[in-house]
């Protein structure tokens, strides 16, 4: 059973993951508002629960958008690493929300799930 709070969306962009013992780069395979999976041939040195910094760069013809956040390795295997995003400022959250909504082409559903999540957080 899937216990994710936000839907995952398939996405193919480059990411850099920086931990205390290792730094890797790879392709984001899927992303949500609180996690992502980065496919990489070499995830050695990144272990479950390790804190990491994540940098995703989106480039266009005339502009570049960088999304940076902090998280922890949720899983690591031969395909890559799953990262649970832990620290996200408002600006970065908005960039990420727009990225996920654009990639999912389901902005209305995403907005409803986010409102539900915020509502639950306020009652806890």
PDB file of N, CA and C in Angstrom:
ATOM      1  N   UNK A   1       0.835  -1.183   0.000  1.00  0.00           N
ATOM      2  CA  UNK A   1       0.000   0.000   0.000  1.00  0.00           C
ATOM      3  C   UNK A   1       0.875   1.240   0.000  1.00  0.00           C
ATOM      4  N   UNK A   2       0.477   2.231  -0.711  1.00  0.00           N
ATOM      5  CA  UNK A   2       1.224   3.466  -0.861  1.00  0.00           C
ATOM      6  C   UNK A   2       0.794   4.475   0.199  1.00  0.00           C
ATOM      7  N   UNK A   3       1.720   4.872   1.071  1.00  0.00           N
ATOM      8  CA  UNK A   3       1.409   5.807   2.153  1.00  0.00           C
ATOM      9  C   UNK A   3       1.856   7.222   1.855  1.00  0.00           C
ATOM     10  N   UNK A   4       2.120   7.539   0.622  1.00  0.00           N
ATOM     11  CA  UNK A   4       2.607   8.871   0.271  1.00  0.00           C
ATOM     12  C   UNK A   4       1.534   9.916   0.480  1.00  0.00           C
ATOM     13  N   UNK A   5       1.954  11.092   0.955  1.00  0.00           N
ATOM     14  CA  UNK A   5       1.023  12.193   1.188  1.00  0.00           C
ATOM     15  C   UNK A   5       0.762  12.987  -0.076  1.00  0.00           C
ATOM     16  N   UNK A   6       1.690  12.946  -1.020  1.00  0.00           N
ATOM     17  CA  UNK A   6       1.559  13.672  -2.276  1.00  0.00           C
ATOM     18  C   UNK A   6       1.788  12.708  -3.428  1.00  0.00           C
ATOM     19  N   UNK A   7       1.127  12.932  -4.553  1.00  0.00           N
ATOM     20  CA  UNK A   7       1.315  12.041  -5.704  1.00  0.00           C
ATOM     21  C   UNK A   7       2.692  12.215  -6.319  1.00  0.00           C
ATOM     22  N   UNK A   8       3.234  11.120  -6.834  1.00  0.00           N
ATOM     23  CA  UNK A   8       4.489  11.172  -7.576  1.00  0.00           C
ATOM     24  C   UNK A   8       4.180  11.432  -9.033  1.00  0.00           C
ATOM     25  N   UNK A   9       5.074  12.170  -9.680  1.00  0.00           N
ATOM     26  CA  UNK A   9       4.931  12.494 -11.085  1.00  0.00           C
ATOM     27  C   UNK A   9       6.216  12.127 -11.798  1.00  0.00           C
ATOM     28  N   UNK A  10       6.101  11.434 -12.912  1.00  0.00           N
ATOM     29  CA  UNK A  10       7.286  11.100 -13.709  1.00  0.00           C
ATOM     30  C   UNK A  10       7.889  12.377 -14.266  1.00  0.00           C
ATOM     31  N   UNK A  11       9.200  12.461 -14.213  1.00  0.00           N
ATOM     32  CA  UNK A  11       9.903  13.654 -14.661  1.00  0.00           C
ATOM     33  C   UNK A  11      11.327  13.261 -15.005  1.00  0.00           C
ATOM     34  N   UNK A  12      11.888  13.815 -16.029  1.00  0.00           N
ATOM     35  CA  UNK A  12      13.257  13.490 -16.435  1.00  0.00           C
ATOM     36  C   UNK A  12      14.078  14.764 -16.505  1.00  0.00           C
ATOM     37  N   UNK A  13      14.748  15.066 -15.386  1.00  0.00           N
ATOM     38  CA  UNK A  13      15.655  16.206 -15.315  1.00  0.00           C
ATOM     39  C   UNK A  13      16.869  15.802 -14.494  1.00  0.00           C
ATOM     40  N   UNK A  14      17.933  16.561 -14.606  1.00  0.00           N
ATOM     41  CA  UNK A  14      19.171  16.269 -13.896  1.00  0.00           C
ATOM     42  C   UNK A  14      19.107  16.765 -12.455  1.00  0.00           C
ATOM     43  N   UNK A  15      19.776  16.024 -11.560  1.00  0.00           N
ATOM     44  CA  UNK A  15      19.855  16.418 -10.156  1.00  0.00           C
ATOM     45  C   UNK A  15      21.245  16.102  -9.624  1.00  0.00           C
ATOM     46  N   UNK A  16      21.670  16.878  -8.663  1.00  0.00           N
ATOM     47  CA  UNK A  16      22.913  16.627  -7.938  1.00  0.00           C
ATOM     48  C   UNK A  16      22.544  16.399  -6.479  1.00  0.00           C
ATOM     49  N   UNK A  17      23.090  15.338  -5.881  1.00  0.00           N
ATOM     50  CA  UNK A  17      22.830  14.987  -4.493  1.00  0.00           C
ATOM     51  C   UNK A  17      24.152  15.055  -3.749  1.00  0.00           C
ATOM     52  N   UNK A  18      24.182  15.833  -2.680  1.00  0.00           N
ATOM     53  CA  UNK A  18      25.407  16.010  -1.903  1.00  0.00           C
ATOM     54  C   UNK A  18      25.174  15.548  -0.468  1.00  0.00           C
ATOM     55  N   UNK A  19      25.928  14.514  -0.066  1.00  0.00           N
ATOM     56  CA  UNK A  19      25.888  14.029   1.308  1.00  0.00           C
ATOM     57  C   UNK A  19      27.219  14.301   1.982  1.00  0.00           C
ATOM     58  N   UNK A  20      27.337  13.885   3.232  1.00  0.00           N
ATOM     59  CA  UNK A  20      28.594  14.109   3.960  1.00  0.00           C
ATOM     60  C   UNK A  20      29.732  13.264   3.396  1.00  0.00           C
ATOM     61  N   UNK A  21      29.417  12.039   2.940  1.00  0.00           N
ATOM     62  CA  UNK A  21      30.456  11.123   2.484  1.00  0.00           C
ATOM     63  C   UNK A  21      30.541  10.970   0.973  1.00  0.00           C
ATOM     64  N   UNK A  22      29.545  11.491   0.242  1.00  0.00           N
ATOM     65  CA  UNK A  22      29.550  11.284  -1.205  1.00  0.00           C
ATOM     66  C   UNK A  22      28.717  12.347  -1.901  1.00  0.00           C
ATOM     67  N   UNK A  23      29.000  12.486  -3.173  1.00  0.00           N
ATOM     68  CA  UNK A  23      28.225  13.376  -4.041  1.00  0.00           C
ATOM     69  C   UNK A  23      27.964  12.629  -5.338  1.00  0.00           C
ATOM     70  N   UNK A  24      26.693  12.618  -5.765  1.00  0.00           N
ATOM     71  CA  UNK A  24      26.345  11.927  -6.997  1.00  0.00           C
ATOM     72  C   UNK A  24      25.491  12.835  -7.871  1.00  0.00           C
ATOM     73  N   UNK A  25      25.418  12.475  -9.126  1.00  0.00           N
ATOM     74  CA  UNK A  25      24.479  13.143 -10.017  1.00  0.00           C
ATOM     75  C   UNK A  25      23.689  12.057 -10.723  1.00  0.00           C
ATOM     76  N   UNK A  26      22.510  12.435 -11.171  1.00  0.00           N
ATOM     77  CA  UNK A  26      21.679  11.461 -11.854  1.00  0.00           C
ATOM     78  C   UNK A  26      20.461  12.129 -12.444  1.00  0.00           C
ATOM     79  N   UNK A  27      19.526  11.314 -12.859  1.00  0.00           N
ATOM     80  CA  UNK A  27      18.290  11.794 -13.465  1.00  0.00           C
ATOM     81  C   UNK A  27      17.135  11.591 -12.503  1.00  0.00           C
ATOM     82  N   UNK A  28      16.377  12.654 -12.264  1.00  0.00           N
ATOM     83  CA  UNK A  28      15.173  12.524 -11.459  1.00  0.00           C
ATOM     84  C   UNK A  28      14.220  11.634 -12.246  1.00  0.00           C
ATOM     85  N   UNK A  29      13.746  10.582 -11.618  1.00  0.00           N
ATOM     86  CA  UNK A  29      12.812   9.663 -12.269  1.00  0.00           C
ATOM     87  C   UNK A  29      11.377  10.060 -11.958  1.00  0.00           C
ATOM     88  N   UNK A  30      11.140  10.423 -10.683  1.00  0.00           N
ATOM     89  CA  UNK A  30       9.823  10.917 -10.303  1.00  0.00           C
ATOM     90  C   UNK A  30       9.987  11.851  -9.112  1.00  0.00           C
ATOM     91  N   UNK A  31       8.989  12.701  -8.936  1.00  0.00           N
ATOM     92  CA  UNK A  31       9.072  13.735  -7.913  1.00  0.00           C
ATOM     93  C   UNK A  31       7.694  13.991  -7.337  1.00  0.00           C
ATOM     94  N   UNK A  32       7.658  14.380  -6.069  1.00  0.00           N
ATOM     95  CA  UNK A  32       6.432  14.850  -5.431  1.00  0.00           C
ATOM     96  C   UNK A  32       6.816  16.060  -4.596  1.00  0.00           C
ATOM     97  N   UNK A  33       5.879  16.588  -3.851  1.00  0.00           N
ATOM     98  CA  UNK A  33       6.193  17.755  -3.033  1.00  0.00           C
ATOM     99  C   UNK A  33       7.009  17.411  -1.796  1.00  0.00           C
ATOM    100  N   UNK A  34       7.130  16.134  -1.462  1.00  0.00           N
ATOM    101  CA  UNK A  34       7.967  15.807  -0.309  1.00  0.00           C
ATOM    102  C   UNK A  34       8.957  14.678  -0.573  1.00  0.00           C
ATOM    103  N   UNK A  35       9.217  14.374  -1.844  1.00  0.00           N
ATOM    104  CA  UNK A  35      10.206  13.358  -2.126  1.00  0.00           C
ATOM    105  C   UNK A  35      10.512  13.236  -3.607  1.00  0.00           C
ATOM    106  N   UNK A  36      11.588  12.512  -3.899  1.00  0.00           N
ATOM    107  CA  UNK A  36      11.956  12.257  -5.279  1.00  0.00           C
ATOM    108  C   UNK A  36      12.828  11.024  -5.346  1.00  0.00           C
ATOM    109  N   UNK A  37      12.873  10.425  -6.522  1.00  0.00           N
ATOM    110  CA  UNK A  37      13.778   9.309  -6.772  1.00  0.00           C
ATOM    111  C   UNK A  37      14.745   9.743  -7.858  1.00  0.00           C
ATOM    112  N   UNK A  38      16.038   9.599  -7.563  1.00  0.00           N
ATOM    113  CA  UNK A  38      17.081   9.962  -8.517  1.00  0.00           C
ATOM    114  C   UNK A  38      17.780   8.695  -8.976  1.00  0.00           C
ATOM    115  N   UNK A  39      17.675   8.431 -10.262  1.00  0.00           N
ATOM    116  CA  UNK A  39      18.331   7.261 -10.847  1.00  0.00           C
ATOM    117  C   UNK A  39      19.809   7.598 -11.048  1.00  0.00           C
ATOM    118  N   UNK A  40      20.666   6.707 -10.531  1.00  0.00           N
ATOM    119  CA  UNK A  40      22.104   6.910 -10.658  1.00  0.00           C
ATOM    120  C   UNK A  40      22.802   5.555 -10.636  1.00  0.00           C
ATOM    121  N   UNK A  41      23.838   5.431 -11.438  1.00  0.00           N
ATOM    122  CA  UNK A  41      24.604   4.185 -11.470  1.00  0.00           C
ATOM    123  C   UNK A  41      25.479   4.030 -10.233  1.00  0.00           C
ATOM    124  N   UNK A  42      25.735   5.129  -9.540  1.00  0.00           N
ATOM    125  CA  UNK A  42      26.636   5.079  -8.391  1.00  0.00           C
ATOM    126  C   UNK A  42      26.030   5.831  -7.214  1.00  0.00           C
ATOM    127  N   UNK A  43      25.440   5.093  -6.290  1.00  0.00           N
ATOM    128  CA  UNK A  43      24.906   5.737  -5.089  1.00  0.00           C
ATOM    129  C   UNK A  43      25.698   5.319  -3.853  1.00  0.00           C
ATOM    130  N   UNK A  44      26.900   4.787  -4.077  1.00  0.00           N
ATOM    131  CA  UNK A  44      27.751   4.384  -2.960  1.00  0.00           C
ATOM    132  C   UNK A  44      28.095   5.598  -2.100  1.00  0.00           C
ATOM    133  N   UNK A  45      28.096   5.387  -0.809  1.00  0.00           N
ATOM    134  CA  UNK A  45      28.419   6.469   0.118  1.00  0.00           C
ATOM    135  C   UNK A  45      27.192   7.221   0.596  1.00  0.00           C
ATOM    136  N   UNK A  46      26.022   6.924   0.013  1.00  0.00           N
ATOM    137  CA  UNK A  46      24.762   7.520   0.460  1.00  0.00           C
ATOM    138  C   UNK A  46      23.914   6.409   1.060  1.00  0.00           C
ATOM    139  N   UNK A  47      23.735   6.456   2.361  1.00  0.00           N
ATOM    140  CA  UNK A  47      23.019   5.407   3.069  1.00  0.00           C
ATOM    141  C   UNK A  47      21.693   5.915   3.615  1.00  0.00           C
ATOM    142  N   UNK A  48      20.782   4.990   3.870  1.00  0.00           N
ATOM    143  CA  UNK A  48      19.472   5.333   4.415  1.00  0.00           C
ATOM    144  C   UNK A  48      19.649   6.169   5.681  1.00  0.00           C
ATOM    145  N   UNK A  49      18.890   7.232   5.761  1.00  0.00           N
ATOM    146  CA  UNK A  49      18.860   8.216   6.853  1.00  0.00           C
ATOM    147  C   UNK A  49      19.970   9.266   6.772  1.00  0.00           C
ATOM    148  N   UNK A  50      20.886   9.160   5.803  1.00  0.00           N
ATOM    149  CA  UNK A  50      21.914  10.193   5.644  1.00  0.00           C
ATOM    150  C   UNK A  50      21.262  11.508   5.232  1.00  0.00           C
ATOM    151  N   UNK A  51      21.666  12.625   5.844  1.00  0.00           N
ATOM    152  CA  UNK A  51      21.178  13.928   5.377  1.00  0.00           C
ATOM    153  C   UNK A  51      21.849  14.291   4.054  1.00  0.00           C
ATOM    154  N   UNK A  52      21.093  14.908   3.150  1.00  0.00           N
ATOM    155  CA  UNK A  52      21.631  15.299   1.848  1.00  0.00           C
ATOM    156  C   UNK A  52      21.086  16.656   1.431  1.00  0.00           C
ATOM    157  N   UNK A  53      21.826  17.298   0.545  1.00  0.00           N
ATOM    158  CA  UNK A  53      21.364  18.503  -0.133  1.00  0.00           C
ATOM    159  C   UNK A  53      21.059  18.106  -1.568  1.00  0.00           C
ATOM    160  N   UNK A  54      19.939  18.586  -2.082  1.00  0.00           N
ATOM    161  CA  UNK A  54      19.499  18.249  -3.428  1.00  0.00           C
ATOM    162  C   UNK A  54      19.449  19.524  -4.258  1.00  0.00           C
ATOM    163  N   UNK A  55      19.977  19.463  -5.462  1.00  0.00           N
ATOM    164  CA  UNK A  55      19.918  20.590  -6.385  1.00  0.00           C
ATOM    165  C   UNK A  55      19.399  20.092  -7.725  1.00  0.00           C
ATOM    166  N   UNK A  56      18.311  20.695  -8.174  1.00  0.00           N
ATOM    167  CA  UNK A  56      17.710  20.376  -9.465  1.00  0.00           C
ATOM    168  C   UNK A  56      17.768  21.637 -10.308  1.00  0.00           C
ATOM    169  N   UNK A  57      18.269  21.510 -11.518  1.00  0.00           N
ATOM    170  CA  UNK A  57      18.362  22.662 -12.420  1.00  0.00           C
ATOM    171  C   UNK A  57      17.493  22.462 -13.643  1.00  0.00           C
ATOM    172  N   UNK A  58      16.670  23.445 -13.893  1.00  0.00           N
ATOM    173  CA  UNK A  58      15.838  23.461 -15.095  1.00  0.00           C
ATOM    174  C   UNK A  58      16.354  24.585 -15.970  1.00  0.00           C
ATOM    175  N   UNK A  59      16.655  24.274 -17.202  1.00  0.00           N
ATOM    176  CA  UNK A  59      17.162  25.303 -18.098  1.00  0.00           C
ATOM    177  C   UNK A  59      16.250  25.442 -19.297  1.00  0.00           C
ATOM    178  N   UNK A  60      16.063  26.674 -19.706  1.00  0.00           N
ATOM    179  CA  UNK A  60      15.286  26.972 -20.898  1.00  0.00           C
ATOM    180  C   UNK A  60      16.150  27.710 -21.886  1.00  0.00           C
ATOM    181  N   UNK A  61      15.538  28.268 -22.899  1.00  0.00           N
ATOM    182  CA  UNK A  61      16.291  29.002 -23.906  1.00  0.00           C
ATOM    183  C   UNK A  61      16.985  30.224 -23.328  1.00  0.00           C
ATOM    184  N   UNK A  62      16.316  30.929 -22.418  1.00  0.00           N
ATOM    185  CA  UNK A  62      16.868  32.184 -21.908  1.00  0.00           C
ATOM    186  C   UNK A  62      16.963  32.236 -20.394  1.00  0.00           C
ATOM    187  N   UNK A  63      16.536  31.199 -19.701  1.00  0.00           N
ATOM    188  CA  UNK A  63      16.537  31.275 -18.250  1.00  0.00           C
ATOM    189  C   UNK A  63      16.928  29.938 -17.634  1.00  0.00           C
ATOM    190  N   UNK A  64      17.240  30.018 -16.343  1.00  0.00           N
ATOM    191  CA  UNK A  64      17.602  28.832 -15.585  1.00  0.00           C
ATOM    192  C   UNK A  64      16.918  28.926 -14.230  1.00  0.00           C
ATOM    193  N   UNK A  65      16.304  27.854 -13.787  1.00  0.00           N
ATOM    194  CA  UNK A  65      15.648  27.799 -12.500  1.00  0.00           C
ATOM    195  C   UNK A  65      16.327  26.709 -11.694  1.00  0.00           C
ATOM    196  N   UNK A  66      16.754  27.051 -10.485  1.00  0.00           N
ATOM    197  CA  UNK A  66      17.386  26.080  -9.606  1.00  0.00           C
ATOM    198  C   UNK A  66      16.491  25.863  -8.404  1.00  0.00           C
ATOM    199  N   UNK A  67      16.256  24.606  -8.099  1.00  0.00           N
ATOM    200  CA  UNK A  67      15.505  24.232  -6.905  1.00  0.00           C
ATOM    201  C   UNK A  67      16.468  23.504  -5.988  1.00  0.00           C
ATOM    202  N   UNK A  68      16.597  24.016  -4.757  1.00  0.00           N
ATOM    203  CA  UNK A  68      17.490  23.403  -3.777  1.00  0.00           C
ATOM    204  C   UNK A  68      16.697  23.080  -2.526  1.00  0.00           C
ATOM    205  N   UNK A  69      16.980  21.930  -1.935  1.00  0.00           N
ATOM    206  CA  UNK A  69      16.306  21.551  -0.707  1.00  0.00           C
ATOM    207  C   UNK A  69      17.174  20.568   0.067  1.00  0.00           C
ATOM    208  N   UNK A  70      16.800  20.328   1.298  1.00  0.00           N
ATOM    209  CA  UNK A  70      17.494  19.373   2.152  1.00  0.00           C
ATOM    210  C   UNK A  70      16.571  18.202   2.445  1.00  0.00           C
ATOM    211  N   UNK A  71      17.163  17.031   2.564  1.00  0.00           N
ATOM    212  CA  UNK A  71      16.365  15.851   2.854  1.00  0.00           C
ATOM    213  C   UNK A  71      17.204  14.757   3.463  1.00  0.00           C
ATOM    214  N   UNK A  72      16.613  13.579   3.505  1.00  0.00           N
ATOM    215  CA  UNK A  72      17.297  12.384   4.001  1.00  0.00           C
ATOM    216  C   UNK A  72      17.080  11.253   3.002  1.00  0.00           C
ATOM    217  N   UNK A  73      18.073  10.389   2.898  1.00  0.00           N
ATOM    218  CA  UNK A  73      17.950   9.228   2.031  1.00  0.00           C
ATOM    219  C   UNK A  73      16.899   8.296   2.641  1.00  0.00           C
ATOM    220  N   UNK A  74      15.848   8.021   1.881  1.00  0.00           N
ATOM    221  CA  UNK A  74      14.791   7.123   2.333  1.00  0.00           C
ATOM    222  C   UNK A  74      15.087   5.683   1.908  1.00  0.00           C
ATOM    223  N   UNK A  75      15.708   5.546   0.747  1.00  0.00           N
ATOM    224  CA  UNK A  75      16.138   4.227   0.277  1.00  0.00           C
ATOM    225  C   UNK A  75      17.273   4.396  -0.706  1.00  0.00           C
ATOM    226  N   UNK A  76      18.076   3.366  -0.798  1.00  0.00           N
ATOM    227  CA  UNK A  76      19.206   3.365  -1.714  1.00  0.00           C
ATOM    228  C   UNK A  76      19.361   1.953  -2.260  1.00  0.00           C
ATOM    229  N   UNK A  77      19.418   1.841  -3.578  1.00  0.00           N
ATOM    230  CA  UNK A  77      19.608   0.530  -4.193  1.00  0.00           C
ATOM    231  C   UNK A  77      20.421   0.696  -5.464  1.00  0.00           C
ATOM    232  N   UNK A  78      20.563  -0.362  -6.227  1.00  0.00           N
ATOM    233  CA  UNK A  78      21.411  -0.318  -7.418  1.00  0.00           C
ATOM    234  C   UNK A  78      20.862   0.597  -8.501  1.00  0.00           C
ATOM    235  N   UNK A  79      19.561   0.955  -8.418  1.00  0.00           N
ATOM    236  CA  UNK A  79      18.965   1.865  -9.412  1.00  0.00           C
ATOM    237  C   UNK A  79      19.174   3.335  -9.067  1.00  0.00           C
ATOM    238  N   UNK A  80      19.350   3.652  -7.773  1.00  0.00           N
ATOM    239  CA  UNK A  80      19.511   5.041  -7.364  1.00  0.00           C
ATOM    240  C   UNK A  80      19.082   5.260  -5.928  1.00  0.00           C
ATOM    241  N   UNK A  81      18.640   6.497  -5.630  1.00  0.00           N
ATOM    242  CA  UNK A  81      18.273   6.839  -4.259  1.00  0.00           C
ATOM    243  C   UNK A  81      16.903   7.517  -4.208  1.00  0.00           C
ATOM    244  N   UNK A  82      16.151   7.160  -3.192  1.00  0.00           N
ATOM    245  CA  UNK A  82      14.901   7.840  -2.890  1.00  0.00           C
ATOM    246  C   UNK A  82      15.164   8.820  -1.769  1.00  0.00           C
ATOM    247  N   UNK A  83      14.682  10.018  -1.921  1.00  0.00           N
ATOM    248  CA  UNK A  83      14.970  11.081  -0.947  1.00  0.00           C
ATOM    249  C   UNK A  83      13.672  11.642  -0.403  1.00  0.00           C
ATOM    250  N   UNK A  84      13.595  11.720   0.925  1.00  0.00           N
ATOM    251  CA  UNK A  84      12.468  12.372   1.584  1.00  0.00           C
ATOM    252  C   UNK A  84      12.888  13.818   1.848  1.00  0.00           C
ATOM    253  N   UNK A  85      12.170  14.757   1.274  1.00  0.00           N
ATOM    254  CA  UNK A  85      12.489  16.173   1.458  1.00  0.00           C
ATOM    255  C   UNK A  85      12.035  16.601   2.844  1.00  0.00           C
ATOM    256  N   UNK A  86      12.942  17.232   3.595  1.00  0.00           N
ATOM    257  CA  UNK A  86      12.643  17.613   4.960  1.00  0.00           C
ATOM    258  C   UNK A  86      12.583  19.118   5.172  1.00  0.00           C
ATOM    259  N   UNK A  87      13.487  19.831   4.554  1.00  0.00           N
ATOM    260  CA  UNK A  87      13.542  21.283   4.750  1.00  0.00           C
ATOM    261  C   UNK A  87      13.285  21.951   3.408  1.00  0.00           C
ATOM    262  N   UNK A  88      12.260  22.789   3.392  1.00  0.00           N
ATOM    263  CA  UNK A  88      11.835  23.420   2.154  1.00  0.00           C
ATOM    264  C   UNK A  88      11.288  24.793   2.496  1.00  0.00           C
ATOM    265  N   UNK A  89      11.968  25.855   2.060  1.00  0.00           N
ATOM    266  CA  UNK A  89      11.432  27.191   2.319  1.00  0.00           C
ATOM    267  C   UNK A  89      10.263  27.471   1.378  1.00  0.00           C
ATOM    268  N   UNK A  90       9.525  28.522   1.655  1.00  0.00           N
ATOM    269  CA  UNK A  90       8.303  28.820   0.901  1.00  0.00           C
ATOM    270  C   UNK A  90       8.595  29.009  -0.580  1.00  0.00           C
ATOM    271  N   UNK A  91       9.641  29.752  -0.916  1.00  0.00           N
ATOM    272  CA  UNK A  91       9.974  29.996  -2.320  1.00  0.00           C
ATOM    273  C   UNK A  91      10.281  28.689  -3.041  1.00  0.00           C
ATOM    274  N   UNK A  92      11.082  27.845  -2.412  1.00  0.00           N
ATOM    275  CA  UNK A  92      11.431  26.567  -3.013  1.00  0.00           C
ATOM    276  C   UNK A  92      10.205  25.674  -3.120  1.00  0.00           C
ATOM    277  N   UNK A  93       9.353  25.705  -2.097  1.00  0.00           N
ATOM    278  CA  UNK A  93       8.124  24.924  -2.142  1.00  0.00           C
ATOM    279  C   UNK A  93       7.267  25.329  -3.337  1.00  0.00           C
ATOM    280  N   UNK A  94       7.129  26.630  -3.562  1.00  0.00           N
ATOM    281  CA  UNK A  94       6.300  27.115  -4.671  1.00  0.00           C
ATOM    282  C   UNK A  94       6.894  26.686  -6.014  1.00  0.00           C
ATOM    283  N   UNK A  95       8.221  26.768  -6.138  1.00  0.00           N
ATOM    284  CA  UNK A  95       8.864  26.303  -7.373  1.00  0.00           C
ATOM    285  C   UNK A  95       8.600  24.815  -7.579  1.00  0.00           C
ATOM    286  N   UNK A  96       8.759  24.044  -6.508  1.00  0.00           N
ATOM    287  CA  UNK A  96       8.529  22.609  -6.594  1.00  0.00           C
ATOM    288  C   UNK A  96       7.089  22.274  -6.906  1.00  0.00           C
ATOM    289  N   UNK A  97       6.172  22.988  -6.280  1.00  0.00           N
ATOM    290  CA  UNK A  97       4.746  22.766  -6.534  1.00  0.00           C
ATOM    291  C   UNK A  97       4.426  23.020  -7.999  1.00  0.00           C
ATOM    292  N   UNK A  98       4.943  24.112  -8.532  1.00  0.00           N
ATOM    293  CA  UNK A  98       4.697  24.428  -9.937  1.00  0.00           C
ATOM    294  C   UNK A  98       5.334  23.396 -10.869  1.00  0.00           C
ATOM    295  N   UNK A  99       6.520  22.926 -10.508  1.00  0.00           N
ATOM    296  CA  UNK A  99       7.193  21.906 -11.301  1.00  0.00           C
ATOM    297  C   UNK A  99       6.372  20.620 -11.325  1.00  0.00           C
ATOM    298  N   UNK A 100       5.928  20.171 -10.174  1.00  0.00           N
ATOM    299  CA  UNK A 100       5.142  18.937 -10.099  1.00  0.00           C
ATOM    300  C   UNK A 100       3.821  19.113 -10.831  1.00  0.00           C
ATOM    301  N   UNK A 101       3.165  20.250 -10.638  1.00  0.00           N
ATOM    302  CA  UNK A 101       1.881  20.496 -11.305  1.00  0.00           C
ATOM    303  C   UNK A 101       2.056  20.521 -12.816  1.00  0.00           C
ATOM    304  N   UNK A 102       3.118  21.159 -13.288  1.00  0.00           N
ATOM    305  CA  UNK A 102       3.376  21.217 -14.726  1.00  0.00           C
ATOM    306  C   UNK A 102       3.640  19.823 -15.276  1.00  0.00           C
ATOM    307  N   UNK A 103       4.496  19.082 -14.579  1.00  0.00           N
ATOM    308  CA  UNK A 103       4.854  17.743 -15.050  1.00  0.00           C
ATOM    309  C   UNK A 103       3.650  16.808 -15.008  1.00  0.00           C
ATOM    310  N   UNK A 104       2.818  16.961 -14.006  1.00  0.00           N
ATOM    311  CA  UNK A 104       1.666  16.073 -13.850  1.00  0.00           C
ATOM    312  C   UNK A 104       0.508  16.495 -14.726  1.00  0.00           C
ATOM    313  N   UNK A 105       0.486  17.748 -15.103  1.00  0.00           N
ATOM    314  CA  UNK A 105      -0.629  18.298 -15.856  1.00  0.00           C
ATOM    315  C   UNK A 105      -1.940  18.033 -15.121  1.00  0.00           C
ATOM    316  N   UNK A 106      -1.840  18.063 -13.774  1.00  0.00           N
ATOM    317  CA  UNK A 106      -2.990  17.816 -12.923  1.00  0.00           C
ATOM    318  C   UNK A 106      -3.006  18.845 -11.805  1.00  0.00           C
ATOM    319  N   UNK A 107      -2.928  20.096 -12.146  1.00  0.00           N
ATOM    320  CA  UNK A 107      -2.806  21.142 -11.148  1.00  0.00           C
ATOM    321  C   UNK A 107      -3.976  21.146 -10.160  1.00  0.00           C
ATOM    322  N   UNK A 108      -5.202  20.939 -10.644  1.00  0.00           N
ATOM    323  CA  UNK A 108      -6.361  20.963  -9.757  1.00  0.00           C
ATOM    324  C   UNK A 108      -6.285  19.872  -8.696  1.00  0.00           C
ATOM    325  N   UNK A 109      -5.941  18.666  -9.114  1.00  0.00           N
ATOM    326  CA  UNK A 109      -5.834  17.558  -8.151  1.00  0.00           C
ATOM    327  C   UNK A 109      -4.723  17.827  -7.150  1.00  0.00           C
ATOM    328  N   UNK A 110      -3.588  18.337  -7.620  1.00  0.00           N
ATOM    329  CA  UNK A 110      -2.480  18.647  -6.747  1.00  0.00           C
ATOM    330  C   UNK A 110      -2.865  19.712  -5.726  1.00  0.00           C
ATOM    331  N   UNK A 111      -3.565  20.753  -6.169  1.00  0.00           N
ATOM    332  CA  UNK A 111      -3.999  21.818  -5.261  1.00  0.00           C
ATOM    333  C   UNK A 111      -4.926  21.269  -4.180  1.00  0.00           C
ATOM    334  N   UNK A 112      -5.844  20.385  -4.545  1.00  0.00           N
ATOM    335  CA  UNK A 112      -6.769  19.796  -3.569  1.00  0.00           C
ATOM    336  C   UNK A 112      -6.029  18.939  -2.558  1.00  0.00           C
ATOM    337  N   UNK A 113      -5.071  18.129  -3.018  1.00  0.00           N
ATOM    338  CA  UNK A 113      -4.305  17.286  -2.104  1.00  0.00           C
ATOM    339  C   UNK A 113      -3.430  18.126  -1.184  1.00  0.00           C
ATOM    340  N   UNK A 114      -2.885  19.212  -1.698  1.00  0.00           N
ATOM    341  CA  UNK A 114      -2.074  20.091  -0.862  1.00  0.00           C
ATOM    342  C   UNK A 114      -2.946  20.759   0.206  1.00  0.00           C
ATOM    343  N   UNK A 115      -4.112  21.245  -0.170  1.00  0.00           N
ATOM    344  CA  UNK A 115      -5.018  21.883   0.794  1.00  0.00           C
ATOM    345  C   UNK A 115      -5.424  20.888   1.876  1.00  0.00           C
ATOM    346  N   UNK A 116      -5.687  19.643   1.496  1.00  0.00           N
ATOM    347  CA  UNK A 116      -6.042  18.598   2.460  1.00  0.00           C
ATOM    348  C   UNK A 116      -4.879  18.341   3.407  1.00  0.00           C
ATOM    349  N   UNK A 117      -3.676  18.278   2.868  1.00  0.00           N
ATOM    350  CA  UNK A 117      -2.471  18.042   3.692  1.00  0.00           C
ATOM    351  C   UNK A 117      -2.286  19.185   4.692  1.00  0.00           C
ATOM    352  N   UNK A 118      -2.398  20.425   4.245  1.00  0.00           N
ATOM    353  CA  UNK A 118      -2.236  21.584   5.127  1.00  0.00           C
ATOM    354  C   UNK A 118      -3.311  21.581   6.212  1.00  0.00           C
ATOM    355  N   UNK A 119      -4.524  21.259   5.850  1.00  0.00           N
ATOM    356  CA  UNK A 119      -5.617  21.199   6.803  1.00  0.00           C
ATOM    357  C   UNK A 119      -5.346  20.184   7.906  1.00  0.00           C
ATOM    358  N   UNK A 120      -4.830  19.017   7.529  1.00  0.00           N
ATOM    359  CA  UNK A 120      -4.487  17.992   8.514  1.00  0.00           C
ATOM    360  C   UNK A 120      -3.351  18.455   9.422  1.00  0.00           C
ATOM    361  N   UNK A 121      -2.373  19.152   8.849  1.00  0.00           N
ATOM    362  CA  UNK A 121      -1.246  19.637   9.644  1.00  0.00           C
ATOM    363  C   UNK A 121      -1.691  20.654  10.689  1.00  0.00           C
ATOM    364  N   UNK A 122      -2.656  21.465  10.355  1.00  0.00           N
ATOM    365  CA  UNK A 122      -3.150  22.501  11.269  1.00  0.00           C
ATOM    366  C   UNK A 122      -3.961  21.904  12.398  1.00  0.00           C
ATOM    367  N   UNK A 123      -4.599  20.746  12.180  1.00  0.00           N
ATOM    368  CA  UNK A 123      -5.405  20.126  13.237  1.00  0.00           C
ATOM    369  C   UNK A 123      -4.581  19.241  14.141  1.00  0.00           C
ATOM    370  N   UNK A 124      -3.362  18.921  13.735  1.00  0.00           N
ATOM    371  CA  UNK A 124      -2.498  18.058  14.585  1.00  0.00           C
ATOM    372  C   UNK A 124      -1.706  18.861  15.557  1.00  0.00           C
TER     373      UNK A 124
END
